[in-house]
Amino acid sequence: MKIVPSIDLQAGRSRLVMWPGAATGEGSPTDRPEKIAEYFVGLGAPMVHLVDLDGAQRGAPVNTDAVQRISRAVAVPLQLAGGIDGPEQIELAFACGATRVVVPLWAVAEDVSVLRACLRVASDWLAVGVDARPERLAEYPWRAAPPSFADLFAMLASEGVRRLVVSHWSVESISELARAIRGNDLELQLAGGATDSAGVDAARAAGADTLILGEALFTGAIDYQDAMQGVTVNG
């Protein structure tokens, strides 16, 4: 299981300030996303997940300059979420330096033509973002009867999607959801959900390919190197 840091982008900066040496008073805090990315890549991060918070509100990537700076600073894949709702936004994301994109489930679930257009642009570098909360699935204004997660996963896989980014997951529910995902031969990335080492262990036990961590790394609730060592030894 890979441990991937996540950086929330807002107004060209990181929403959260990173201070790696806070415990010892060494170094200095920074909200420059390219410096934060460099720090985690220096620790061995195989990819950096980016969330364009402004883009999510406007429906198109906004923090393109920040993504470009990060792409120049690190030589690992950059996965961008937020404001990626169709093929035009994917093209913009790739143009500014992202190498992978996450399209929200609601943008493609009921219009297979949009999903196919996204796949034509992004191919295997497309992931679909899924909110794991059953109540959110039920509350969405579907045109017909609400589908099950299993039905949606099967549809996505049949169309050529290879990767899901699952957010708002819980230790109690992730095992069942993960079985449905693996049953369709889909790669599982878990975003958030883990706030301590027990959460990391739960993600590993569920068979996740990747665990994406944001605030827990910034606050020090989870140490990146400890998490990586745990994966190396136990996973």
C-alpha atoms as a PDB file:
ATOM      1  CA  MET A   1       0.000   0.000   0.000  1.00  0.00           C
ATOM      2  CA  LYS A   2       1.353   3.389  -1.028  1.00  0.00           C
ATOM      3  CA  ILE A   3       1.134   6.386   1.298  1.00  0.00           C
ATOM      4  CA  VAL A   4       0.440   9.545  -0.712  1.00  0.00           C
ATOM      5  CA  PRO A   5       0.416  13.088   0.729  1.00  0.00           C
ATOM      6  CA  SER A   6      -2.423  15.411  -0.184  1.00  0.00           C
ATOM      7  CA  ILE A   7      -2.195  19.200  -0.468  1.00  0.00           C
ATOM      8  CA  ASP A   8      -5.294  21.420  -0.498  1.00  0.00           C
ATOM      9  CA  LEU A   9      -4.745  24.344  -2.863  1.00  0.00           C
ATOM     10  CA  GLN A  10      -6.434  27.662  -2.161  1.00  0.00           C
ATOM     11  CA  ALA A  11      -5.556  31.034  -3.677  1.00  0.00           C
ATOM     12  CA  GLY A  12      -2.270  29.624  -4.966  1.00  0.00           C
ATOM     13  CA  ARG A  13      -1.141  28.385  -1.565  1.00  0.00           C
ATOM     14  CA  SER A  14      -1.593  25.361   0.657  1.00  0.00           C
ATOM     15  CA  ARG A  15      -4.685  25.683   2.840  1.00  0.00           C
ATOM     16  CA  LEU A  16      -2.676  24.213   5.706  1.00  0.00           C
ATOM     17  CA  VAL A  17       0.745  25.382   6.849  1.00  0.00           C
ATOM     18  CA  MET A  18       3.469  22.739   6.974  1.00  0.00           C
ATOM     19  CA  TRP A  19       6.231  22.920   9.593  1.00  0.00           C
ATOM     20  CA  PRO A  20       8.256  19.692   9.558  1.00  0.00           C
ATOM     21  CA  GLY A  21      10.550  20.842  12.367  1.00  0.00           C
ATOM     22  CA  ALA A  22       7.855  22.218  14.679  1.00  0.00           C
ATOM     23  CA  ALA A  23       8.543  19.678  17.447  1.00  0.00           C
ATOM     24  CA  THR A  24      12.197  20.713  17.713  1.00  0.00           C
ATOM     25  CA  GLY A  25      11.858  24.336  16.650  1.00  0.00           C
ATOM     26  CA  GLU A  26      13.942  23.713  13.560  1.00  0.00           C
ATOM     27  CA  GLY A  27      13.249  24.993  10.071  1.00  0.00           C
ATOM     28  CA  SER A  28      10.356  27.306   9.300  1.00  0.00           C
ATOM     29  CA  PRO A  29       6.669  26.905   8.455  1.00  0.00           C
ATOM     30  CA  THR A  30       5.541  27.189   4.843  1.00  0.00           C
ATOM     31  CA  ASP A  31       2.319  27.298   2.882  1.00  0.00           C
ATOM     32  CA  ARG A  32       4.081  27.083  -0.477  1.00  0.00           C
ATOM     33  CA  PRO A  33       2.712  23.904  -2.052  1.00  0.00           C
ATOM     34  CA  GLU A  34       5.816  23.236  -4.136  1.00  0.00           C
ATOM     35  CA  LYS A  35       7.980  23.269  -0.982  1.00  0.00           C
ATOM     36  CA  ILE A  36       5.562  20.942   0.810  1.00  0.00           C
ATOM     37  CA  ALA A  37       5.566  18.587  -2.176  1.00  0.00           C
ATOM     38  CA  GLU A  38       9.369  18.616  -2.246  1.00  0.00           C
ATOM     39  CA  TYR A  39       9.454  17.719   1.446  1.00  0.00           C
ATOM     40  CA  PHE A  40       7.238  14.655   1.076  1.00  0.00           C
ATOM     41  CA  VAL A  41       8.874  13.490  -2.139  1.00  0.00           C
ATOM     42  CA  GLY A  42      12.192  13.760  -0.334  1.00  0.00           C
ATOM     43  CA  LEU A  43      10.792  11.304   2.222  1.00  0.00           C
ATOM     44  CA  GLY A  44       9.870   8.882  -0.539  1.00  0.00           C
ATOM     45  CA  ALA A  45       6.339   9.861  -1.580  1.00  0.00           C
ATOM     46  CA  PRO A  46       5.572   8.079  -4.891  1.00  0.00           C
ATOM     47  CA  MET A  47       2.880  10.580  -5.897  1.00  0.00           C
ATOM     48  CA  VAL A  48       1.306  13.821  -4.687  1.00  0.00           C
ATOM     49  CA  HIS A  49      -2.461  14.260  -4.550  1.00  0.00           C
ATOM     50  CA  LEU A  50      -3.683  17.835  -5.061  1.00  0.00           C
ATOM     51  CA  VAL A  51      -7.142  19.215  -4.289  1.00  0.00           C
ATOM     52  CA  ASP A  52      -8.065  22.483  -5.995  1.00  0.00           C
ATOM     53  CA  LEU A  53     -10.543  23.897  -3.477  1.00  0.00           C
ATOM     54  CA  ASP A  54     -11.231  26.998  -5.571  1.00  0.00           C
ATOM     55  CA  GLY A  55     -11.664  24.828  -8.644  1.00  0.00           C
ATOM     56  CA  ALA A  56     -14.221  22.667  -6.867  1.00  0.00           C
ATOM     57  CA  GLN A  57     -16.328  25.777  -6.236  1.00  0.00           C
ATOM     58  CA  ARG A  58     -16.013  27.164  -9.772  1.00  0.00           C
ATOM     59  CA  GLY A  59     -16.262  23.912 -11.723  1.00  0.00           C
ATOM     60  CA  ALA A  60     -12.856  24.213 -13.418  1.00  0.00           C
ATOM     61  CA  PRO A  61      -9.216  24.195 -12.278  1.00  0.00           C
ATOM     62  CA  VAL A  62      -8.234  27.537 -10.742  1.00  0.00           C
ATOM     63  CA  ASN A  63      -4.890  26.955  -9.027  1.00  0.00           C
ATOM     64  CA  THR A  64      -3.132  26.139 -12.274  1.00  0.00           C
ATOM     65  CA  ASP A  65      -0.056  28.248 -11.480  1.00  0.00           C
ATOM     66  CA  ALA A  66       0.421  26.368  -8.206  1.00  0.00           C
ATOM     67  CA  VAL A  67       0.110  23.005  -9.969  1.00  0.00           C
ATOM     68  CA  GLN A  68       2.668  24.149 -12.523  1.00  0.00           C
ATOM     69  CA  ARG A  69       5.114  25.168  -9.787  1.00  0.00           C
ATOM     70  CA  ILE A  70       4.721  21.799  -8.120  1.00  0.00           C
ATOM     71  CA  SER A  71       5.255  19.970 -11.418  1.00  0.00           C
ATOM     72  CA  ARG A  72       8.533  21.823 -11.876  1.00  0.00           C
ATOM     73  CA  ALA A  73       9.664  21.048  -8.329  1.00  0.00           C
ATOM     74  CA  VAL A  74       9.060  17.285  -8.149  1.00  0.00           C
ATOM     75  CA  ALA A  75       9.432  14.387 -10.581  1.00  0.00           C
ATOM     76  CA  VAL A  76       6.536  12.210  -9.392  1.00  0.00           C
ATOM     77  CA  PRO A  77       2.967  11.876 -10.683  1.00  0.00           C
ATOM     78  CA  LEU A  78       0.569  14.650  -9.648  1.00  0.00           C
ATOM     79  CA  GLN A  79      -3.064  13.669  -9.208  1.00  0.00           C
ATOM     80  CA  LEU A  80      -5.481  16.613  -9.329  1.00  0.00           C
ATOM     81  CA  ALA A  81      -9.024  16.714  -7.946  1.00  0.00           C
ATOM     82  CA  GLY A  82     -11.415  19.631  -7.677  1.00  0.00           C
ATOM     83  CA  GLY A  83     -13.146  21.266 -10.640  1.00  0.00           C
ATOM     84  CA  ILE A  84     -12.470  18.300 -12.940  1.00  0.00           C
ATOM     85  CA  ASP A  85     -15.981  17.620 -14.203  1.00  0.00           C
ATOM     86  CA  GLY A  86     -15.426  16.917 -17.905  1.00  0.00           C
ATOM     87  CA  PRO A  87     -12.919  16.521 -20.745  1.00  0.00           C
ATOM     88  CA  GLU A  88     -12.195  20.246 -21.117  1.00  0.00           C
ATOM     89  CA  GLN A  89     -11.184  20.519 -17.473  1.00  0.00           C
ATOM     90  CA  ILE A  90      -9.008  17.420 -17.820  1.00  0.00           C
ATOM     91  CA  GLU A  91      -7.153  19.020 -20.728  1.00  0.00           C
ATOM     92  CA  LEU A  92      -6.563  22.143 -18.638  1.00  0.00           C
ATOM     93  CA  ALA A  93      -5.319  20.040 -15.718  1.00  0.00           C
ATOM     94  CA  PHE A  94      -2.839  18.196 -17.929  1.00  0.00           C
ATOM     95  CA  ALA A  95      -1.700  21.454 -19.540  1.00  0.00           C
ATOM     96  CA  CYS A  96      -0.694  22.908 -16.164  1.00  0.00           C
ATOM     97  CA  GLY A  97       1.316  19.853 -15.114  1.00  0.00           C
ATOM     98  CA  ALA A  98      -1.059  17.329 -13.542  1.00  0.00           C
ATOM     99  CA  THR A  99      -0.513  13.789 -14.788  1.00  0.00           C
ATOM    100  CA  ARG A 100      -3.617  12.174 -13.273  1.00  0.00           C
ATOM    101  CA  VAL A 101      -7.111  13.498 -12.603  1.00  0.00           C
ATOM    102  CA  VAL A 102     -10.083  12.655 -10.399  1.00  0.00           C
ATOM    103  CA  VAL A 103     -13.592  13.162 -11.778  1.00  0.00           C
ATOM    104  CA  PRO A 104     -16.445  13.096  -9.252  1.00  0.00           C
ATOM    105  CA  LEU A 105     -18.924  10.247  -9.566  1.00  0.00           C
ATOM    106  CA  TRP A 106     -21.911  12.560  -9.945  1.00  0.00           C
ATOM    107  CA  ALA A 107     -20.381  14.106 -13.101  1.00  0.00           C
ATOM    108  CA  VAL A 108     -20.317  10.806 -14.999  1.00  0.00           C
ATOM    109  CA  ALA A 109     -22.695   8.357 -13.302  1.00  0.00           C
ATOM    110  CA  GLU A 110     -25.796   9.204 -15.335  1.00  0.00           C
ATOM    111  CA  ASP A 111     -24.215  10.297 -18.597  1.00  0.00           C
ATOM    112  CA  VAL A 112     -21.958   7.643 -20.056  1.00  0.00           C
ATOM    113  CA  SER A 113     -21.063   9.965 -22.932  1.00  0.00           C
ATOM    114  CA  VAL A 114     -19.310  12.318 -20.484  1.00  0.00           C
ATOM    115  CA  LEU A 115     -17.468   9.394 -18.916  1.00  0.00           C
ATOM    116  CA  ARG A 116     -16.342   8.153 -22.316  1.00  0.00           C
ATOM    117  CA  ALA A 117     -15.192  11.643 -23.324  1.00  0.00           C
ATOM    118  CA  CYS A 118     -13.171  11.893 -20.099  1.00  0.00           C
ATOM    119  CA  LEU A 119     -11.605   8.505 -20.754  1.00  0.00           C
ATOM    120  CA  ARG A 120     -10.664   9.503 -24.298  1.00  0.00           C
ATOM    121  CA  VAL A 121      -8.627  12.384 -22.879  1.00  0.00           C
ATOM    122  CA  ALA A 122      -7.251  10.814 -19.699  1.00  0.00           C
ATOM    123  CA  SER A 123      -7.268   7.082 -20.494  1.00  0.00           C
ATOM    124  CA  ASP A 124      -5.747   5.064 -17.636  1.00  0.00           C
ATOM    125  CA  TRP A 125      -4.879   8.256 -15.746  1.00  0.00           C
ATOM    126  CA  LEU A 126      -8.514   8.916 -14.928  1.00  0.00           C
ATOM    127  CA  ALA A 127      -9.886   8.112 -11.477  1.00  0.00           C
ATOM    128  CA  VAL A 128     -13.476   8.509 -10.329  1.00  0.00           C
ATOM    129  CA  GLY A 129     -14.066  10.042  -6.918  1.00  0.00           C
ATOM    130  CA  VAL A 130     -16.642   8.280  -4.747  1.00  0.00           C
ATOM    131  CA  ASP A 131     -18.187   9.527  -1.493  1.00  0.00           C
ATOM    132  CA  ALA A 132     -18.517   6.353   0.579  1.00  0.00           C
ATOM    133  CA  ARG A 133     -21.431   7.592   2.697  1.00  0.00           C
ATOM    134  CA  PRO A 134     -24.580   5.611   1.784  1.00  0.00           C
ATOM    135  CA  GLU A 135     -26.828   8.515   2.740  1.00  0.00           C
ATOM    136  CA  ARG A 136     -25.141  10.777   0.204  1.00  0.00           C
ATOM    137  CA  LEU A 137     -25.727   8.190  -2.506  1.00  0.00           C
ATOM    138  CA  ALA A 138     -29.388   7.948  -1.538  1.00  0.00           C
ATOM    139  CA  GLU A 139     -29.845  11.734  -1.294  1.00  0.00           C
ATOM    140  CA  TYR A 140     -28.449  12.501  -4.735  1.00  0.00           C
ATOM    141  CA  PRO A 141     -31.284  13.525  -7.132  1.00  0.00           C
ATOM    142  CA  TRP A 142     -31.064  10.516  -9.446  1.00  0.00           C
ATOM    143  CA  ARG A 143     -33.301  10.549 -12.519  1.00  0.00           C
ATOM    144  CA  ALA A 144     -34.356   6.976 -11.771  1.00  0.00           C
ATOM    145  CA  ALA A 145     -34.136   4.745  -8.699  1.00  0.00           C
ATOM    146  CA  PRO A 146     -30.872   5.249  -6.787  1.00  0.00           C
ATOM    147  CA  PRO A 147     -28.269   2.670  -7.885  1.00  0.00           C
ATOM    148  CA  SER A 148     -26.194   0.685  -5.444  1.00  0.00           C
ATOM    149  CA  PHE A 149     -22.463   1.176  -5.068  1.00  0.00           C
ATOM    150  CA  ALA A 150     -21.979  -2.289  -6.555  1.00  0.00           C
ATOM    151  CA  ASP A 151     -23.995  -1.341  -9.654  1.00  0.00           C
ATOM    152  CA  LEU A 152     -22.018   1.868 -10.099  1.00  0.00           C
ATOM    153  CA  PHE A 153     -18.667   0.138  -9.700  1.00  0.00           C
ATOM    154  CA  ALA A 154     -19.647  -2.473 -12.278  1.00  0.00           C
ATOM    155  CA  MET A 155     -20.720   0.220 -14.743  1.00  0.00           C
ATOM    156  CA  LEU A 156     -17.510   2.206 -14.308  1.00  0.00           C
ATOM    157  CA  ALA A 157     -15.354  -0.869 -14.748  1.00  0.00           C
ATOM    158  CA  SER A 158     -17.249  -1.957 -17.862  1.00  0.00           C
ATOM    159  CA  GLU A 159     -16.599   1.463 -19.434  1.00  0.00           C
ATOM    160  CA  GLY A 160     -12.864   1.248 -18.811  1.00  0.00           C
ATOM    161  CA  VAL A 161     -12.341   3.038 -15.493  1.00  0.00           C
ATOM    162  CA  ARG A 162      -9.466   1.445 -13.605  1.00  0.00           C
ATOM    163  CA  ARG A 163      -9.172   3.533 -10.446  1.00  0.00           C
ATOM    164  CA  LEU A 164     -11.451   4.862  -7.691  1.00  0.00           C
ATOM    165  CA  VAL A 165     -10.640   7.481  -5.064  1.00  0.00           C
ATOM    166  CA  VAL A 166     -12.954   6.804  -2.132  1.00  0.00           C
ATOM    167  CA  SER A 167     -13.493   9.560   0.430  1.00  0.00           C
ATOM    168  CA  HIS A 168     -15.507   9.803   3.668  1.00  0.00           C
ATOM    169  CA  TRP A 169     -14.891   6.138   4.412  1.00  0.00           C
ATOM    170  CA  SER A 170     -15.070   4.641   7.870  1.00  0.00           C
ATOM    171  CA  VAL A 171     -13.294   1.752   9.501  1.00  0.00           C
ATOM    172  CA  GLU A 172     -16.667   0.062  10.043  1.00  0.00           C
ATOM    173  CA  SER A 173     -17.857   0.170   6.419  1.00  0.00           C
ATOM    174  CA  ILE A 174     -14.767   0.063   4.251  1.00  0.00           C
ATOM    175  CA  SER A 175     -14.309  -3.715   4.135  1.00  0.00           C
ATOM    176  CA  GLU A 176     -17.644  -4.339   2.398  1.00  0.00           C
ATOM    177  CA  LEU A 177     -17.110  -1.450  -0.015  1.00  0.00           C
ATOM    178  CA  ALA A 178     -13.576  -2.618  -0.792  1.00  0.00           C
ATOM    179  CA  ARG A 179     -14.814  -6.106  -1.648  1.00  0.00           C
ATOM    180  CA  ALA A 180     -17.227  -4.651  -4.210  1.00  0.00           C
ATOM    181  CA  ILE A 181     -14.424  -2.554  -5.701  1.00  0.00           C
ATOM    182  CA  ARG A 182     -11.935  -5.416  -5.895  1.00  0.00           C
ATOM    183  CA  GLY A 183     -14.662  -7.627  -7.366  1.00  0.00           C
ATOM    184  CA  ASN A 184     -14.586  -5.341 -10.415  1.00  0.00           C
ATOM    185  CA  ASP A 185     -10.777  -5.352 -10.614  1.00  0.00           C
ATOM    186  CA  LEU A 186     -10.592  -1.651  -9.730  1.00  0.00           C
ATOM    187  CA  GLU A 187      -7.653   0.001  -8.000  1.00  0.00           C
ATOM    188  CA  LEU A 188      -8.697   1.404  -4.623  1.00  0.00           C
ATOM    189  CA  GLN A 189      -7.330   4.682  -3.329  1.00  0.00           C
ATOM    190  CA  LEU A 190      -8.644   5.753   0.069  1.00  0.00           C
ATOM    191  CA  ALA A 191      -8.637   9.492   0.739  1.00  0.00           C
ATOM    192  CA  GLY A 192      -8.675  10.766   4.307  1.00  0.00           C
ATOM    193  CA  GLY A 193     -10.511   8.683   6.853  1.00  0.00           C
ATOM    194  CA  ALA A 194      -7.297   7.753   8.668  1.00  0.00           C
ATOM    195  CA  THR A 195      -6.463  10.059  11.544  1.00  0.00           C
ATOM    196  CA  ASP A 196      -4.024   7.775  13.376  1.00  0.00           C
ATOM    197  CA  SER A 197      -2.051   4.570  12.927  1.00  0.00           C
ATOM    198  CA  ALA A 198      -5.197   2.495  13.497  1.00  0.00           C
ATOM    199  CA  GLY A 199      -6.739   4.125  10.440  1.00  0.00           C
ATOM    200  CA  VAL A 200      -3.652   3.279   8.391  1.00  0.00           C
ATOM    201  CA  ASP A 201      -3.922  -0.325   9.553  1.00  0.00           C
ATOM    202  CA  ALA A 202      -7.633  -0.402   8.607  1.00  0.00           C
ATOM    203  CA  ALA A 203      -6.881   0.852   5.105  1.00  0.00           C
ATOM    204  CA  ARG A 204      -4.206  -1.789   4.689  1.00  0.00           C
ATOM    205  CA  ALA A 205      -6.513  -4.527   6.002  1.00  0.00           C
ATOM    206  CA  ALA A 206      -9.179  -3.456   3.495  1.00  0.00           C
ATOM    207  CA  GLY A 207      -6.736  -4.081   0.669  1.00  0.00           C
ATOM    208  CA  ALA A 208      -6.318  -0.456  -0.426  1.00  0.00           C
ATOM    209  CA  ASP A 209      -3.675   0.110  -3.078  1.00  0.00           C
ATOM    210  CA  THR A 210      -3.092   3.686  -1.901  1.00  0.00           C
ATOM    211  CA  LEU A 211      -3.872   5.734   1.214  1.00  0.00           C
ATOM    212  CA  ILE A 212      -4.062   9.484   0.646  1.00  0.00           C
ATOM    213  CA  LEU A 213      -3.348  11.548   3.759  1.00  0.00           C
ATOM    214  CA  GLY A 214      -3.677  15.298   4.194  1.00  0.00           C
ATOM    215  CA  GLU A 215      -4.385  17.049   7.484  1.00  0.00           C
ATOM    216  CA  ALA A 216      -3.183  14.105   9.586  1.00  0.00           C
ATOM    217  CA  LEU A 217       0.294  14.569   8.094  1.00  0.00           C
ATOM    218  CA  PHE A 218       0.282  18.342   8.509  1.00  0.00           C
ATOM    219  CA  THR A 219      -0.734  18.184  12.179  1.00  0.00           C
ATOM    220  CA  GLY A 220       1.657  15.338  12.969  1.00  0.00           C
ATOM    221  CA  ALA A 221      -1.133  12.962  13.981  1.00  0.00           C
ATOM    222  CA  ILE A 222       0.445  10.536  11.508  1.00  0.00           C
ATOM    223  CA  ASP A 223       4.180  10.613  10.840  1.00  0.00           C
ATOM    224  CA  TYR A 224       4.874  10.017   7.161  1.00  0.00           C
ATOM    225  CA  GLN A 225       8.048   8.026   7.674  1.00  0.00           C
ATOM    226  CA  ASP A 226       6.469   5.910  10.416  1.00  0.00           C
ATOM    227  CA  ALA A 227       3.501   5.174   8.164  1.00  0.00           C
ATOM    228  CA  MET A 228       5.795   4.229   5.305  1.00  0.00           C
ATOM    229  CA  GLN A 229       7.887   1.992   7.539  1.00  0.00           C
ATOM    230  CA  GLY A 230       4.746   0.320   8.837  1.00  0.00           C
ATOM    231  CA  VAL A 231       3.621  -0.400   5.293  1.00  0.00           C
ATOM    232  CA  THR A 232       7.057  -1.721   4.394  1.00  0.00           C
ATOM    233  CA  VAL A 233       7.211  -4.044   7.386  1.00  0.00           C
ATOM    234  CA  ASN A 234       3.579  -5.151   7.574  1.00  0.00           C
ATOM    235  CA  GLY A 235       2.238  -4.611   4.055  1.00  0.00           C
END
